[in-house]
N, C-alpha and C. Protein backbone atom coordinates (compact mmCIF):
# COMPACT_ATOMS: atom_id res chain seq x y z
N UNK A 1 -1.17 -60.39 79.85
CA UNK A 1 -0.12 -61.04 79.08
C UNK A 1 -0.39 -62.54 78.89
N UNK A 2 -1.04 -63.17 79.86
CA UNK A 2 -1.33 -64.60 79.76
C UNK A 2 -2.24 -64.87 78.57
N UNK A 3 -3.22 -64.01 78.38
CA UNK A 3 -4.15 -64.15 77.27
C UNK A 3 -3.43 -64.00 75.93
N UNK A 4 -2.53 -63.03 75.86
CA UNK A 4 -1.76 -62.81 74.64
C UNK A 4 -0.89 -64.02 74.32
N UNK A 5 -0.29 -64.60 75.35
CA UNK A 5 0.53 -65.80 75.15
C UNK A 5 -0.32 -66.98 74.67
N UNK A 6 -1.50 -67.11 75.26
CA UNK A 6 -2.41 -68.18 74.86
C UNK A 6 -2.82 -68.00 73.39
N UNK A 7 -3.08 -66.76 73.01
CA UNK A 7 -3.44 -66.45 71.63
C UNK A 7 -2.30 -66.80 70.67
N UNK A 8 -1.09 -66.41 71.03
CA UNK A 8 0.07 -66.71 70.19
C UNK A 8 0.29 -68.21 70.07
N UNK A 9 0.11 -68.93 71.17
CA UNK A 9 0.32 -70.38 71.17
C UNK A 9 -0.69 -71.08 70.27
N UNK A 10 -1.96 -70.73 70.41
CA UNK A 10 -2.99 -71.39 69.59
C UNK A 10 -2.85 -70.97 68.13
N UNK A 11 -2.42 -69.74 67.87
CA UNK A 11 -2.18 -69.29 66.50
C UNK A 11 -1.05 -70.11 65.88
N UNK A 12 0.02 -70.30 66.63
CA UNK A 12 1.15 -71.08 66.12
C UNK A 12 0.74 -72.52 65.85
N UNK A 13 0.01 -73.14 66.78
CA UNK A 13 -0.46 -74.52 66.60
C UNK A 13 -1.34 -74.63 65.36
N UNK A 14 -2.21 -73.66 65.18
CA UNK A 14 -3.13 -73.66 64.04
C UNK A 14 -2.37 -73.52 62.74
N UNK A 15 -1.43 -72.59 62.69
CA UNK A 15 -0.62 -72.41 61.48
C UNK A 15 0.18 -73.67 61.16
N UNK A 16 0.78 -74.26 62.18
CA UNK A 16 1.56 -75.49 61.97
C UNK A 16 0.67 -76.63 61.49
N UNK A 17 -0.53 -76.72 62.07
CA UNK A 17 -1.47 -77.75 61.66
C UNK A 17 -1.86 -77.62 60.20
N UNK A 18 -2.11 -76.39 59.77
CA UNK A 18 -2.47 -76.16 58.38
C UNK A 18 -1.27 -76.32 57.45
N UNK A 19 -0.09 -75.95 57.93
CA UNK A 19 1.12 -76.06 57.10
C UNK A 19 1.47 -77.52 56.81
N UNK A 20 1.06 -78.43 57.68
CA UNK A 20 1.36 -79.84 57.49
C UNK A 20 0.44 -80.54 56.51
N UNK A 21 -0.52 -79.83 55.95
CA UNK A 21 -1.48 -80.42 55.02
C UNK A 21 -0.82 -80.73 53.68
N UNK A 22 -1.02 -81.94 53.18
CA UNK A 22 -0.42 -82.33 51.89
C UNK A 22 -1.35 -82.09 50.71
N UNK A 23 -2.53 -81.54 50.98
CA UNK A 23 -3.52 -81.34 49.91
C UNK A 23 -4.03 -79.90 49.90
N UNK A 24 -3.24 -78.98 49.30
CA UNK A 24 -3.62 -77.56 49.32
C UNK A 24 -4.86 -77.23 48.49
N UNK A 25 -5.36 -78.16 47.67
CA UNK A 25 -6.55 -77.90 46.86
C UNK A 25 -7.83 -78.43 47.52
N UNK A 26 -7.69 -79.00 48.71
CA UNK A 26 -8.85 -79.51 49.44
C UNK A 26 -9.74 -78.34 49.84
N UNK A 27 -11.03 -78.40 49.48
CA UNK A 27 -11.94 -77.29 49.82
C UNK A 27 -12.01 -77.00 51.33
N UNK A 28 -11.93 -78.03 52.16
CA UNK A 28 -11.96 -77.82 53.61
C UNK A 28 -10.71 -77.06 54.04
N UNK A 29 -9.55 -77.46 53.51
CA UNK A 29 -8.29 -76.78 53.83
C UNK A 29 -8.36 -75.32 53.40
N UNK A 30 -8.84 -75.09 52.20
CA UNK A 30 -8.92 -73.72 51.67
C UNK A 30 -9.80 -72.85 52.56
N UNK A 31 -10.94 -73.40 52.98
CA UNK A 31 -11.84 -72.59 53.83
C UNK A 31 -11.21 -72.32 55.20
N UNK A 32 -10.50 -73.30 55.76
CA UNK A 32 -9.83 -73.08 57.06
C UNK A 32 -8.74 -72.03 56.93
N UNK A 33 -7.99 -72.11 55.86
CA UNK A 33 -6.91 -71.14 55.63
C UNK A 33 -7.48 -69.73 55.44
N UNK A 34 -8.56 -69.63 54.68
CA UNK A 34 -9.19 -68.33 54.46
C UNK A 34 -9.77 -67.77 55.76
N UNK A 35 -10.34 -68.66 56.57
CA UNK A 35 -10.89 -68.24 57.86
C UNK A 35 -9.78 -67.69 58.76
N UNK A 36 -8.65 -68.36 58.76
CA UNK A 36 -7.50 -67.92 59.56
C UNK A 36 -7.01 -66.57 59.06
N UNK A 37 -6.88 -66.43 57.76
CA UNK A 37 -6.42 -65.16 57.19
C UNK A 37 -7.40 -64.03 57.50
N UNK A 38 -8.68 -64.31 57.38
CA UNK A 38 -9.71 -63.31 57.65
C UNK A 38 -9.65 -62.83 59.11
N UNK A 39 -9.38 -63.77 60.02
CA UNK A 39 -9.32 -63.42 61.45
C UNK A 39 -8.24 -62.38 61.74
N UNK A 40 -7.12 -62.49 61.06
CA UNK A 40 -5.98 -61.65 61.42
C UNK A 40 -5.60 -60.63 60.36
N UNK A 41 -6.41 -60.51 59.34
CA UNK A 41 -6.14 -59.52 58.31
C UNK A 41 -6.35 -58.12 58.89
N UNK A 42 -5.40 -57.25 58.66
CA UNK A 42 -5.46 -55.84 59.08
C UNK A 42 -5.58 -55.66 60.60
N UNK A 43 -5.13 -56.64 61.36
CA UNK A 43 -5.20 -56.48 62.82
C UNK A 43 -3.79 -56.49 63.40
N UNK A 44 -3.53 -55.54 64.26
CA UNK A 44 -2.28 -55.52 64.99
C UNK A 44 -2.57 -56.19 66.34
N UNK A 45 -1.94 -57.33 66.58
CA UNK A 45 -2.25 -58.11 67.78
C UNK A 45 -1.99 -57.35 69.08
N UNK A 46 -1.09 -56.38 69.05
CA UNK A 46 -0.81 -55.63 70.28
C UNK A 46 -1.92 -54.62 70.59
N UNK A 47 -2.79 -54.34 69.62
CA UNK A 47 -3.86 -53.37 69.83
C UNK A 47 -5.24 -54.03 69.99
N UNK A 48 -5.26 -55.31 70.27
CA UNK A 48 -6.52 -56.05 70.37
C UNK A 48 -7.00 -56.05 71.83
N UNK A 49 -8.29 -55.82 72.02
CA UNK A 49 -8.85 -55.79 73.38
C UNK A 49 -8.93 -57.22 73.94
N UNK A 50 -9.17 -57.29 75.25
CA UNK A 50 -9.29 -58.58 75.93
C UNK A 50 -10.42 -59.40 75.33
N UNK A 51 -11.56 -58.76 75.07
CA UNK A 51 -12.72 -59.46 74.51
C UNK A 51 -12.41 -60.01 73.12
N UNK A 52 -11.73 -59.18 72.32
CA UNK A 52 -11.35 -59.63 70.97
C UNK A 52 -10.38 -60.81 71.05
N UNK A 53 -9.44 -60.73 72.01
CA UNK A 53 -8.49 -61.83 72.18
C UNK A 53 -9.23 -63.13 72.52
N UNK A 54 -10.18 -63.02 73.42
CA UNK A 54 -10.95 -64.21 73.81
C UNK A 54 -11.73 -64.77 72.63
N UNK A 55 -12.34 -63.89 71.83
CA UNK A 55 -13.06 -64.33 70.63
C UNK A 55 -12.11 -64.99 69.64
N UNK A 56 -10.93 -64.38 69.47
CA UNK A 56 -9.94 -64.93 68.54
C UNK A 56 -9.42 -66.30 69.00
N UNK A 57 -9.22 -66.43 70.30
CA UNK A 57 -8.77 -67.71 70.85
C UNK A 57 -9.82 -68.79 70.59
N UNK A 58 -11.08 -68.42 70.81
CA UNK A 58 -12.18 -69.37 70.57
C UNK A 58 -12.24 -69.76 69.09
N UNK A 59 -12.15 -68.76 68.21
CA UNK A 59 -12.21 -69.02 66.77
C UNK A 59 -11.01 -69.86 66.32
N UNK A 60 -9.83 -69.51 66.83
CA UNK A 60 -8.61 -70.27 66.49
C UNK A 60 -8.69 -71.71 66.97
N UNK A 61 -9.24 -71.89 68.15
CA UNK A 61 -9.39 -73.24 68.68
C UNK A 61 -10.27 -74.08 67.76
N UNK A 62 -11.35 -73.48 67.27
CA UNK A 62 -12.24 -74.20 66.34
C UNK A 62 -11.51 -74.54 65.04
N UNK A 63 -10.77 -73.57 64.50
CA UNK A 63 -10.01 -73.81 63.27
C UNK A 63 -8.97 -74.91 63.50
N UNK A 64 -8.30 -74.84 64.65
CA UNK A 64 -7.28 -75.84 64.98
C UNK A 64 -7.89 -77.23 65.08
N UNK A 65 -9.04 -77.34 65.73
CA UNK A 65 -9.72 -78.64 65.85
C UNK A 65 -10.11 -79.18 64.48
N UNK A 66 -10.65 -78.31 63.63
CA UNK A 66 -11.03 -78.73 62.28
C UNK A 66 -9.81 -79.14 61.47
N UNK A 67 -8.70 -78.43 61.65
CA UNK A 67 -7.48 -78.79 60.90
C UNK A 67 -6.92 -80.13 61.37
N UNK A 68 -7.04 -80.40 62.69
CA UNK A 68 -6.60 -81.70 63.20
C UNK A 68 -7.46 -82.82 62.64
N UNK A 69 -8.77 -82.60 62.54
CA UNK A 69 -9.68 -83.60 61.98
C UNK A 69 -9.39 -83.81 60.50
N UNK A 70 -9.13 -82.73 59.78
CA UNK A 70 -8.77 -82.84 58.36
C UNK A 70 -7.49 -83.64 58.19
N UNK A 71 -6.50 -83.36 59.03
CA UNK A 71 -5.24 -84.10 58.96
C UNK A 71 -5.46 -85.58 59.27
N UNK A 72 -6.31 -85.86 60.24
CA UNK A 72 -6.59 -87.26 60.60
C UNK A 72 -7.23 -87.99 59.42
N UNK A 73 -8.25 -87.40 58.82
CA UNK A 73 -8.91 -88.07 57.70
C UNK A 73 -7.99 -88.16 56.48
N UNK A 74 -7.20 -87.12 56.24
CA UNK A 74 -6.23 -87.17 55.14
C UNK A 74 -5.24 -88.31 55.34
N UNK A 75 -4.76 -88.45 56.56
CA UNK A 75 -3.77 -89.50 56.85
C UNK A 75 -4.38 -90.89 56.73
N UNK A 76 -5.66 -91.03 57.05
CA UNK A 76 -6.32 -92.33 56.87
C UNK A 76 -6.40 -92.69 55.39
N UNK A 77 -6.77 -91.71 54.57
CA UNK A 77 -6.83 -91.96 53.13
C UNK A 77 -5.44 -92.25 52.58
N UNK A 78 -4.47 -91.47 53.00
CA UNK A 78 -3.09 -91.66 52.53
C UNK A 78 -2.56 -93.04 52.93
N UNK A 79 -2.89 -93.49 54.12
CA UNK A 79 -2.43 -94.81 54.60
C UNK A 79 -2.97 -95.93 53.71
N UNK A 80 -4.19 -95.76 53.20
CA UNK A 80 -4.77 -96.77 52.31
C UNK A 80 -3.93 -96.96 51.06
N UNK A 81 -3.28 -95.91 50.63
CA UNK A 81 -2.47 -95.94 49.41
C UNK A 81 -0.97 -96.04 49.72
N UNK A 82 -0.66 -96.78 50.77
CA UNK A 82 0.73 -97.00 51.18
C UNK A 82 1.46 -95.67 51.39
N UNK A 83 0.77 -94.73 52.00
CA UNK A 83 1.28 -93.39 52.32
C UNK A 83 1.71 -92.60 51.09
N UNK A 84 1.06 -92.86 49.97
CA UNK A 84 1.33 -92.12 48.74
C UNK A 84 0.34 -90.95 48.66
N UNK A 85 0.84 -89.76 48.92
CA UNK A 85 -0.02 -88.56 48.95
C UNK A 85 -0.66 -88.30 47.58
N UNK A 86 0.03 -88.68 46.51
CA UNK A 86 -0.53 -88.48 45.16
C UNK A 86 -1.89 -89.14 45.04
N UNK A 87 -1.94 -90.39 45.44
CA UNK A 87 -3.18 -91.14 45.28
C UNK A 87 -4.24 -90.72 46.29
N UNK A 88 -3.82 -90.25 47.44
CA UNK A 88 -4.80 -89.71 48.39
C UNK A 88 -5.47 -88.48 47.79
N UNK A 89 -4.67 -87.61 47.15
CA UNK A 89 -5.23 -86.42 46.51
C UNK A 89 -6.14 -86.80 45.34
N UNK A 90 -5.70 -87.77 44.53
CA UNK A 90 -6.50 -88.23 43.40
C UNK A 90 -7.84 -88.78 43.91
N UNK A 91 -7.76 -89.62 44.93
CA UNK A 91 -8.96 -90.21 45.54
C UNK A 91 -9.94 -89.11 45.98
N UNK A 92 -9.41 -88.13 46.69
CA UNK A 92 -10.26 -87.06 47.20
C UNK A 92 -10.89 -86.25 46.07
N UNK A 93 -10.09 -85.91 45.04
CA UNK A 93 -10.65 -85.13 43.92
C UNK A 93 -11.74 -85.92 43.21
N UNK A 94 -11.56 -87.23 43.06
CA UNK A 94 -12.54 -88.05 42.35
C UNK A 94 -13.80 -88.29 43.18
N UNK A 95 -13.72 -88.12 44.49
CA UNK A 95 -14.90 -88.28 45.34
C UNK A 95 -15.63 -86.95 45.58
N UNK A 96 -14.97 -85.83 45.29
CA UNK A 96 -15.54 -84.51 45.61
C UNK A 96 -16.80 -84.20 44.81
N UNK A 97 -16.63 -83.85 43.58
CA UNK A 97 -17.81 -83.48 42.79
C UNK A 97 -17.97 -84.50 41.67
N UNK A 98 -19.19 -84.88 41.43
CA UNK A 98 -19.49 -85.88 40.42
C UNK A 98 -18.66 -87.16 40.62
N UNK A 99 -18.83 -87.83 41.77
CA UNK A 99 -18.05 -89.06 42.02
C UNK A 99 -18.31 -90.11 40.92
N UNK A 100 -17.27 -90.86 40.60
CA UNK A 100 -17.35 -91.87 39.55
C UNK A 100 -18.18 -93.07 39.98
N UNK A 101 -18.22 -93.29 41.28
CA UNK A 101 -18.92 -94.45 41.81
C UNK A 101 -19.48 -94.11 43.18
N UNK A 102 -20.56 -94.81 43.57
CA UNK A 102 -21.11 -94.60 44.90
C UNK A 102 -20.24 -95.27 45.96
N UNK A 103 -19.46 -96.23 45.52
CA UNK A 103 -18.66 -97.01 46.45
C UNK A 103 -17.22 -96.49 46.51
N UNK A 104 -16.88 -95.92 47.65
CA UNK A 104 -15.51 -95.45 47.84
C UNK A 104 -14.54 -96.63 47.80
N UNK A 105 -15.02 -97.78 48.24
CA UNK A 105 -14.21 -99.00 48.23
C UNK A 105 -13.83 -99.40 46.80
N UNK A 106 -14.80 -99.29 45.90
CA UNK A 106 -14.56 -99.63 44.50
C UNK A 106 -13.51 -98.69 43.90
N UNK A 107 -13.63 -97.40 44.21
CA UNK A 107 -12.66 -96.42 43.74
C UNK A 107 -11.28 -96.74 44.30
N UNK A 108 -11.22 -97.06 45.58
CA UNK A 108 -9.96 -97.42 46.21
C UNK A 108 -9.31 -98.61 45.49
N UNK A 109 -10.10 -99.63 45.21
CA UNK A 109 -9.57 -100.83 44.56
C UNK A 109 -9.00 -100.52 43.18
N UNK A 110 -9.75 -99.75 42.40
CA UNK A 110 -9.27 -99.43 41.06
C UNK A 110 -8.03 -98.53 41.10
N UNK A 111 -7.99 -97.59 42.04
CA UNK A 111 -6.82 -96.72 42.14
C UNK A 111 -5.59 -97.48 42.63
N UNK A 112 -5.79 -98.47 43.50
CA UNK A 112 -4.65 -99.29 43.95
C UNK A 112 -4.07 -100.09 42.79
N UNK A 113 -4.95 -100.65 41.96
CA UNK A 113 -4.49 -101.40 40.78
C UNK A 113 -3.76 -100.45 39.83
N UNK A 114 -4.32 -99.29 39.62
CA UNK A 114 -3.71 -98.30 38.74
C UNK A 114 -2.35 -97.88 39.28
N UNK A 115 -2.29 -97.62 40.58
CA UNK A 115 -1.02 -97.23 41.22
C UNK A 115 0.04 -98.28 41.00
N UNK A 116 -0.32 -99.53 41.21
CA UNK A 116 0.64 -100.62 41.04
C UNK A 116 1.14 -100.68 39.60
N UNK A 117 0.22 -100.57 38.65
CA UNK A 117 0.60 -100.62 37.23
C UNK A 117 1.53 -99.46 36.84
N UNK A 118 1.13 -98.26 37.17
CA UNK A 118 1.91 -97.08 36.80
C UNK A 118 3.27 -97.11 37.51
N UNK A 119 3.26 -97.38 38.81
CA UNK A 119 4.52 -97.42 39.55
C UNK A 119 5.47 -98.48 38.99
N UNK A 120 4.95 -99.64 38.62
CA UNK A 120 5.81 -100.69 38.04
C UNK A 120 6.44 -100.23 36.73
N UNK A 121 5.66 -99.59 35.89
CA UNK A 121 6.21 -99.09 34.62
C UNK A 121 7.29 -98.05 34.86
N UNK A 122 7.06 -97.18 35.81
CA UNK A 122 8.03 -96.13 36.10
C UNK A 122 9.28 -96.72 36.76
N UNK A 123 9.09 -97.71 37.63
CA UNK A 123 10.25 -98.35 38.26
C UNK A 123 11.14 -99.05 37.22
N UNK A 124 10.51 -99.61 36.19
CA UNK A 124 11.28 -100.28 35.14
C UNK A 124 12.09 -99.28 34.31
N UNK A 125 11.55 -98.07 34.16
CA UNK A 125 12.26 -97.07 33.37
C UNK A 125 11.84 -95.67 33.82
N UNK A 126 12.58 -95.13 34.77
CA UNK A 126 12.25 -93.82 35.34
C UNK A 126 12.41 -92.70 34.30
N UNK A 127 13.16 -92.95 33.24
CA UNK A 127 13.38 -91.93 32.22
C UNK A 127 12.09 -91.58 31.46
N UNK A 128 11.09 -92.45 31.53
CA UNK A 128 9.84 -92.14 30.82
C UNK A 128 9.19 -90.87 31.35
N UNK A 129 9.52 -90.51 32.59
CA UNK A 129 8.95 -89.29 33.17
C UNK A 129 9.50 -88.02 32.51
N UNK A 130 10.55 -88.18 31.72
CA UNK A 130 11.11 -87.03 30.99
C UNK A 130 10.23 -86.66 29.80
N UNK A 131 9.34 -87.57 29.41
CA UNK A 131 8.48 -87.35 28.26
C UNK A 131 7.01 -87.35 28.72
N UNK A 132 6.50 -86.17 29.01
CA UNK A 132 5.15 -86.06 29.58
C UNK A 132 4.06 -86.62 28.66
N UNK A 133 4.20 -86.43 27.36
CA UNK A 133 3.17 -86.93 26.45
C UNK A 133 3.16 -88.47 26.45
N UNK A 134 4.33 -89.08 26.58
CA UNK A 134 4.38 -90.54 26.68
C UNK A 134 3.71 -91.01 27.96
N UNK A 135 4.01 -90.33 29.06
CA UNK A 135 3.41 -90.67 30.36
C UNK A 135 1.89 -90.54 30.27
N UNK A 136 1.43 -89.48 29.64
CA UNK A 136 -0.01 -89.25 29.49
C UNK A 136 -0.66 -90.40 28.71
N UNK A 137 -0.03 -90.82 27.63
CA UNK A 137 -0.58 -91.92 26.82
C UNK A 137 -0.55 -93.24 27.60
N UNK A 138 0.53 -93.48 28.31
CA UNK A 138 0.66 -94.70 29.11
C UNK A 138 -0.43 -94.74 30.18
N UNK A 139 -0.59 -93.64 30.88
CA UNK A 139 -1.60 -93.56 31.93
C UNK A 139 -3.00 -93.68 31.33
N UNK A 140 -3.22 -93.10 30.16
CA UNK A 140 -4.53 -93.20 29.48
C UNK A 140 -4.92 -94.66 29.28
N UNK A 141 -4.00 -95.43 28.74
CA UNK A 141 -4.27 -96.86 28.52
C UNK A 141 -4.59 -97.56 29.83
N UNK A 142 -3.77 -97.31 30.82
CA UNK A 142 -3.93 -97.99 32.11
C UNK A 142 -5.24 -97.61 32.80
N UNK A 143 -5.61 -96.35 32.74
CA UNK A 143 -6.86 -95.90 33.37
C UNK A 143 -8.03 -96.62 32.72
N UNK A 144 -8.07 -96.63 31.42
CA UNK A 144 -9.19 -97.27 30.71
C UNK A 144 -9.27 -98.75 31.05
N UNK A 145 -8.13 -99.45 31.04
CA UNK A 145 -8.11 -100.88 31.34
C UNK A 145 -8.56 -101.14 32.78
N UNK A 146 -8.00 -100.42 33.73
CA UNK A 146 -8.30 -100.68 35.14
C UNK A 146 -9.76 -100.36 35.49
N UNK A 147 -10.28 -99.27 34.97
CA UNK A 147 -11.66 -98.91 35.27
C UNK A 147 -12.63 -99.88 34.60
N UNK A 148 -12.27 -100.36 33.42
CA UNK A 148 -13.11 -101.35 32.73
C UNK A 148 -13.14 -102.66 33.53
N UNK A 149 -11.98 -103.06 34.07
CA UNK A 149 -11.90 -104.29 34.88
C UNK A 149 -12.85 -104.23 36.08
N UNK A 150 -12.97 -103.05 36.68
CA UNK A 150 -13.81 -102.88 37.88
C UNK A 150 -15.24 -102.48 37.53
N UNK A 151 -15.56 -102.50 36.24
CA UNK A 151 -16.91 -102.16 35.78
C UNK A 151 -17.36 -100.76 36.25
N UNK A 152 -16.45 -99.83 36.19
CA UNK A 152 -16.79 -98.44 36.49
C UNK A 152 -16.88 -97.73 35.14
N UNK A 153 -18.10 -97.37 34.74
CA UNK A 153 -18.27 -96.76 33.42
C UNK A 153 -17.62 -95.38 33.33
N UNK A 154 -16.93 -95.15 32.23
CA UNK A 154 -16.29 -93.87 32.00
C UNK A 154 -16.76 -93.30 30.68
N UNK A 155 -17.11 -92.02 30.69
CA UNK A 155 -17.33 -91.35 29.42
C UNK A 155 -16.04 -90.57 29.12
N UNK A 156 -16.03 -89.87 28.02
CA UNK A 156 -14.82 -89.17 27.60
C UNK A 156 -14.37 -88.13 28.64
N UNK A 157 -15.32 -87.36 29.16
CA UNK A 157 -14.96 -86.32 30.13
C UNK A 157 -14.39 -86.91 31.42
N UNK A 158 -15.02 -87.97 31.92
CA UNK A 158 -14.54 -88.59 33.16
C UNK A 158 -13.16 -89.20 32.96
N UNK A 159 -12.95 -89.88 31.85
CA UNK A 159 -11.64 -90.49 31.62
C UNK A 159 -10.56 -89.42 31.47
N UNK A 160 -10.88 -88.33 30.78
CA UNK A 160 -9.91 -87.23 30.65
C UNK A 160 -9.58 -86.64 32.02
N UNK A 161 -10.61 -86.50 32.85
CA UNK A 161 -10.43 -85.94 34.19
C UNK A 161 -9.47 -86.82 35.01
N UNK A 162 -9.69 -88.12 34.98
CA UNK A 162 -8.85 -89.06 35.74
C UNK A 162 -7.43 -89.05 35.20
N UNK A 163 -7.31 -89.16 33.89
CA UNK A 163 -5.98 -89.19 33.25
C UNK A 163 -5.21 -87.92 33.57
N UNK A 164 -5.89 -86.78 33.49
CA UNK A 164 -5.26 -85.51 33.79
C UNK A 164 -4.78 -85.45 35.24
N UNK A 165 -5.65 -85.88 36.17
CA UNK A 165 -5.28 -85.88 37.59
C UNK A 165 -4.05 -86.75 37.85
N UNK A 166 -4.08 -87.97 37.33
CA UNK A 166 -2.99 -88.92 37.59
C UNK A 166 -1.70 -88.43 36.94
N UNK A 167 -1.78 -88.00 35.69
CA UNK A 167 -0.58 -87.52 35.00
C UNK A 167 0.02 -86.32 35.72
N UNK A 168 -0.83 -85.36 36.11
CA UNK A 168 -0.35 -84.17 36.82
C UNK A 168 0.36 -84.55 38.11
N UNK A 169 -0.22 -85.49 38.85
CA UNK A 169 0.39 -85.89 40.13
C UNK A 169 1.78 -86.49 39.91
N UNK A 170 1.91 -87.37 38.93
CA UNK A 170 3.21 -87.97 38.67
C UNK A 170 4.22 -86.94 38.16
N UNK A 171 3.77 -86.07 37.28
CA UNK A 171 4.69 -85.06 36.74
C UNK A 171 5.08 -84.05 37.82
N UNK A 172 4.13 -83.67 38.66
CA UNK A 172 4.48 -82.76 39.76
C UNK A 172 5.50 -83.40 40.69
N UNK A 173 5.30 -84.67 41.00
CA UNK A 173 6.25 -85.37 41.86
C UNK A 173 7.63 -85.44 41.19
N UNK A 174 7.64 -85.74 39.91
CA UNK A 174 8.91 -85.83 39.17
C UNK A 174 9.65 -84.50 39.18
N UNK A 175 8.90 -83.40 39.00
CA UNK A 175 9.52 -82.08 38.95
C UNK A 175 9.71 -81.46 40.33
N UNK A 176 9.26 -82.17 41.37
CA UNK A 176 9.43 -81.68 42.74
C UNK A 176 8.43 -80.61 43.14
N UNK A 177 7.31 -80.56 42.44
CA UNK A 177 6.27 -79.59 42.76
C UNK A 177 5.24 -80.22 43.68
N UNK A 178 4.57 -79.38 44.44
CA UNK A 178 3.47 -79.85 45.26
C UNK A 178 2.20 -79.57 44.48
N UNK A 179 1.31 -80.55 44.50
CA UNK A 179 0.07 -80.44 43.71
C UNK A 179 -0.51 -79.13 43.76
């Protein structure tokens, strides 16, 4: 029974750790979640042998440790953006595949400027969020200006990608959706 309790405890900790993630599209999060699901798919915990329980505890411990590390790094990125999860997600997506710049610092600086600009416009008139096409055009202008200021070259595809990410994040927040 002690082993079963240990298994349940680590399973609960692991689930809670993954549930606290603010970035469900993160590839690391997705793989950890899939690994957890794979471990317990089609298994009745009351019919698991001692050896299987020990293997599951070991596997869960690894998943839990990885989820804690993911949460730590996510929180560091989020803290850079004044705890704004939107910009942490944007930052991560822009650094994942085909990064815009080799310097994460440069990306951080341009996104902070962009955040300040967009947030100020929205603070002046929150009703603009009711018109998504207006928000998209506003963000388009701001993205182009801010990236040009930081000498980060953008082609049409990259600018569309950034504009789409930023607009989606603001609209999701406005509508109460999670990215």
